[in-house]
Amino acid sequence: MKFVKIIFGLLFMLFAYFQFNDPDATIWIFTYSAAALACYMSYSNLWPSWVFYGLAAGYLVASIFQWPPHFEGIFWGEAKMRSINIEEARESLGLLICCFAMVVLGKWGKPKIED
């Protein structure tokens, strides 16, 4: 499970890095950095599982509110932006990935206690 935590943490750090050229970079760098921090805290067994479930709920709610009013897909041509709806759909799916990771960390993040 530690390997999965490392992969999720590296993925979220990469997501945060790719946000530097975004107009609202501060929000997204914080969002993905918080997810990377949660992966580290799970790796170090410093947070109980309910914290990850709370984060998952927050990411899920944010993803629902971020969903575009009219879905136009997430790809258009060669990653070109045709409208704001594509950008909002991508952001919403990024938040869903964070939600999924937090559920995984909450469910399987704690190592089993062996006798």
C-alpha atoms as a PDB file:
ATOM      1  CA  MET A   1       0.000   0.000   0.000  1.00  0.00           C
ATOM      2  CA  LYS A   2       2.926   2.332   0.603  1.00  0.00           C
ATOM      3  CA  PHE A   3       3.710   2.163  -3.109  1.00  0.00           C
ATOM      4  CA  VAL A   4       0.197   3.397  -3.939  1.00  0.00           C
ATOM      5  CA  LYS A   5       0.571   6.271  -1.473  1.00  0.00           C
ATOM      6  CA  ILE A   6       3.849   7.290  -3.095  1.00  0.00           C
ATOM      7  CA  ILE A   7       2.338   7.117  -6.589  1.00  0.00           C
ATOM      8  CA  PHE A   8      -0.674   9.217  -5.551  1.00  0.00           C
ATOM      9  CA  GLY A   9       1.600  11.743  -3.823  1.00  0.00           C
ATOM     10  CA  LEU A  10       3.854  12.087  -6.867  1.00  0.00           C
ATOM     11  CA  LEU A  11       0.820  12.367  -9.141  1.00  0.00           C
ATOM     12  CA  PHE A  12      -0.639  15.212  -7.094  1.00  0.00           C
ATOM     13  CA  MET A  13       2.703  17.014  -6.966  1.00  0.00           C
ATOM     14  CA  LEU A  14       2.828  16.731 -10.757  1.00  0.00           C
ATOM     15  CA  PHE A  15      -0.742  18.052 -10.995  1.00  0.00           C
ATOM     16  CA  ALA A  16       0.251  21.027  -8.809  1.00  0.00           C
ATOM     17  CA  TYR A  17       3.311  21.703 -10.971  1.00  0.00           C
ATOM     18  CA  PHE A  18       1.221  21.809 -14.153  1.00  0.00           C
ATOM     19  CA  GLN A  19      -0.986  24.539 -12.643  1.00  0.00           C
ATOM     20  CA  PHE A  20       1.691  27.243 -12.641  1.00  0.00           C
ATOM     21  CA  ASN A  21       0.532  28.654 -16.001  1.00  0.00           C
ATOM     22  CA  ASP A  22      -3.165  28.571 -15.045  1.00  0.00           C
ATOM     23  CA  PRO A  23      -4.974  31.894 -14.460  1.00  0.00           C
ATOM     24  CA  ASP A  24      -6.256  30.670 -11.075  1.00  0.00           C
ATOM     25  CA  ALA A  25      -3.062  28.801 -10.203  1.00  0.00           C
ATOM     26  CA  THR A  26      -3.135  29.568  -6.473  1.00  0.00           C
ATOM     27  CA  ILE A  27      -6.370  27.682  -5.925  1.00  0.00           C
ATOM     28  CA  TRP A  28      -5.299  24.602  -7.874  1.00  0.00           C
ATOM     29  CA  ILE A  29      -1.753  24.453  -6.531  1.00  0.00           C
ATOM     30  CA  PHE A  30      -3.178  24.548  -3.007  1.00  0.00           C
ATOM     31  CA  THR A  31      -5.815  21.927  -3.878  1.00  0.00           C
ATOM     32  CA  TYR A  32      -3.357  19.415  -5.328  1.00  0.00           C
ATOM     33  CA  SER A  33      -0.680  20.176  -2.722  1.00  0.00           C
ATOM     34  CA  ALA A  34      -3.212  19.404   0.012  1.00  0.00           C
ATOM     35  CA  ALA A  35      -3.871  16.046  -1.636  1.00  0.00           C
ATOM     36  CA  ALA A  36      -0.117  15.370  -1.847  1.00  0.00           C
ATOM     37  CA  LEU A  37       0.233  16.305   1.831  1.00  0.00           C
ATOM     38  CA  ALA A  38      -2.572  13.888   2.694  1.00  0.00           C
ATOM     39  CA  CYS A  39      -0.680  11.136   0.867  1.00  0.00           C
ATOM     40  CA  TYR A  40       2.417  11.892   2.941  1.00  0.00           C
ATOM     41  CA  MET A  41       0.413  11.924   6.162  1.00  0.00           C
ATOM     42  CA  SER A  42      -1.098   8.555   5.250  1.00  0.00           C
ATOM     43  CA  TYR A  43       2.342   7.200   4.323  1.00  0.00           C
ATOM     44  CA  SER A  44       3.616   8.256   7.760  1.00  0.00           C
ATOM     45  CA  ASN A  45       0.424   7.041   9.533  1.00  0.00           C
ATOM     46  CA  LEU A  46      -0.144  10.446  11.127  1.00  0.00           C
ATOM     47  CA  TRP A  47      -3.843  10.944  10.361  1.00  0.00           C
ATOM     48  CA  PRO A  48      -6.810   8.702  11.186  1.00  0.00           C
ATOM     49  CA  SER A  49      -9.007   7.444   8.377  1.00  0.00           C
ATOM     50  CA  TRP A  50     -11.884   9.828   9.113  1.00  0.00           C
ATOM     51  CA  VAL A  51      -9.698  12.761   8.009  1.00  0.00           C
ATOM     52  CA  PHE A  52      -9.302  11.197   4.568  1.00  0.00           C
ATOM     53  CA  TYR A  53     -13.034  10.560   4.328  1.00  0.00           C
ATOM     54  CA  GLY A  54     -13.661  14.211   5.224  1.00  0.00           C
ATOM     55  CA  LEU A  55     -11.236  15.317   2.518  1.00  0.00           C
ATOM     56  CA  ALA A  56     -12.915  12.959   0.046  1.00  0.00           C
ATOM     57  CA  ALA A  57     -16.298  14.519   0.821  1.00  0.00           C
ATOM     58  CA  GLY A  58     -14.853  17.990   0.322  1.00  0.00           C
ATOM     59  CA  TYR A  59     -13.291  17.054  -3.001  1.00  0.00           C
ATOM     60  CA  LEU A  60     -16.541  15.427  -4.125  1.00  0.00           C
ATOM     61  CA  VAL A  61     -18.613  18.505  -3.287  1.00  0.00           C
ATOM     62  CA  ALA A  62     -16.075  20.758  -5.016  1.00  0.00           C
ATOM     63  CA  SER A  63     -16.144  18.498  -8.068  1.00  0.00           C
ATOM     64  CA  ILE A  64     -19.924  18.699  -8.281  1.00  0.00           C
ATOM     65  CA  PHE A  65     -19.879  22.505  -8.037  1.00  0.00           C
ATOM     66  CA  GLN A  66     -17.045  22.725 -10.581  1.00  0.00           C
ATOM     67  CA  TRP A  67     -18.856  20.614 -13.183  1.00  0.00           C
ATOM     68  CA  PRO A  68     -19.620  22.740 -16.277  1.00  0.00           C
ATOM     69  CA  PRO A  69     -23.194  23.698 -17.140  1.00  0.00           C
ATOM     70  CA  HIS A  70     -22.719  22.179 -20.593  1.00  0.00           C
ATOM     71  CA  PHE A  71     -20.325  19.234 -20.954  1.00  0.00           C
ATOM     72  CA  GLU A  72     -18.235  19.468 -24.130  1.00  0.00           C
ATOM     73  CA  GLY A  73     -15.693  16.796 -23.292  1.00  0.00           C
ATOM     74  CA  ILE A  74     -12.191  17.058 -21.891  1.00  0.00           C
ATOM     75  CA  PHE A  75     -10.171  16.810 -25.121  1.00  0.00           C
ATOM     76  CA  TRP A  76     -10.465  18.920 -28.213  1.00  0.00           C
ATOM     77  CA  GLY A  77      -7.924  18.630 -30.971  1.00  0.00           C
ATOM     78  CA  GLU A  78      -4.476  18.645 -29.465  1.00  0.00           C
ATOM     79  CA  ALA A  79      -5.397  19.694 -25.918  1.00  0.00           C
ATOM     80  CA  LYS A  80      -6.662  23.071 -27.157  1.00  0.00           C
ATOM     81  CA  MET A  81      -9.247  24.975 -25.198  1.00  0.00           C
ATOM     82  CA  ARG A  82     -12.352  25.660 -27.251  1.00  0.00           C
ATOM     83  CA  SER A  83     -14.467  26.904 -24.358  1.00  0.00           C
ATOM     84  CA  ILE A  84     -14.495  27.313 -20.601  1.00  0.00           C
ATOM     85  CA  ASN A  85     -16.677  24.205 -20.313  1.00  0.00           C
ATOM     86  CA  ILE A  86     -13.735  22.000 -21.298  1.00  0.00           C
ATOM     87  CA  GLU A  87     -11.531  23.627 -18.648  1.00  0.00           C
ATOM     88  CA  GLU A  88     -14.193  23.225 -15.965  1.00  0.00           C
ATOM     89  CA  ALA A  89     -14.730  19.569 -16.902  1.00  0.00           C
ATOM     90  CA  ARG A  90     -10.989  18.919 -16.583  1.00  0.00           C
ATOM     91  CA  GLU A  91     -10.869  20.649 -13.214  1.00  0.00           C
ATOM     92  CA  SER A  92     -13.877  18.674 -12.023  1.00  0.00           C
ATOM     93  CA  LEU A  93     -12.299  15.384 -13.069  1.00  0.00           C
ATOM     94  CA  GLY A  94      -9.082  16.351 -11.278  1.00  0.00           C
ATOM     95  CA  LEU A  95     -11.093  16.864  -8.114  1.00  0.00           C
ATOM     96  CA  LEU A  96     -12.727  13.456  -8.615  1.00  0.00           C
ATOM     97  CA  ILE A  97      -9.265  11.877  -8.830  1.00  0.00           C
ATOM     98  CA  CYS A  98      -8.425  13.556  -5.512  1.00  0.00           C
ATOM     99  CA  CYS A  99     -11.685  12.242  -4.036  1.00  0.00           C
ATOM    100  CA  PHE A 100     -10.936   8.706  -5.205  1.00  0.00           C
ATOM    101  CA  ALA A 101      -7.420   8.855  -3.751  1.00  0.00           C
ATOM    102  CA  MET A 102      -8.716  10.070  -0.373  1.00  0.00           C
ATOM    103  CA  VAL A 103     -11.231   7.214  -0.228  1.00  0.00           C
ATOM    104  CA  VAL A 104      -8.455   4.733  -1.000  1.00  0.00           C
ATOM    105  CA  LEU A 105      -6.221   6.264   1.678  1.00  0.00           C
ATOM    106  CA  GLY A 106      -9.052   6.215   4.200  1.00  0.00           C
ATOM    107  CA  LYS A 107     -10.085   2.642   3.467  1.00  0.00           C
ATOM    108  CA  TRP A 108      -6.764   0.892   2.923  1.00  0.00           C
ATOM    109  CA  GLY A 109      -4.287   3.465   4.165  1.00  0.00           C
ATOM    110  CA  LYS A 110      -3.721   2.150   7.669  1.00  0.00           C
ATOM    111  CA  PRO A 111      -1.489  -0.900   7.926  1.00  0.00           C
ATOM    112  CA  LYS A 112      -2.939  -3.970   9.538  1.00  0.00           C
ATOM    113  CA  ILE A 113      -1.839  -4.670  13.081  1.00  0.00           C
ATOM    114  CA  GLU A 114      -0.245  -8.076  13.286  1.00  0.00           C
ATOM    115  CA  ASP A 115       0.338 -10.105  16.424  1.00  0.00           C
END
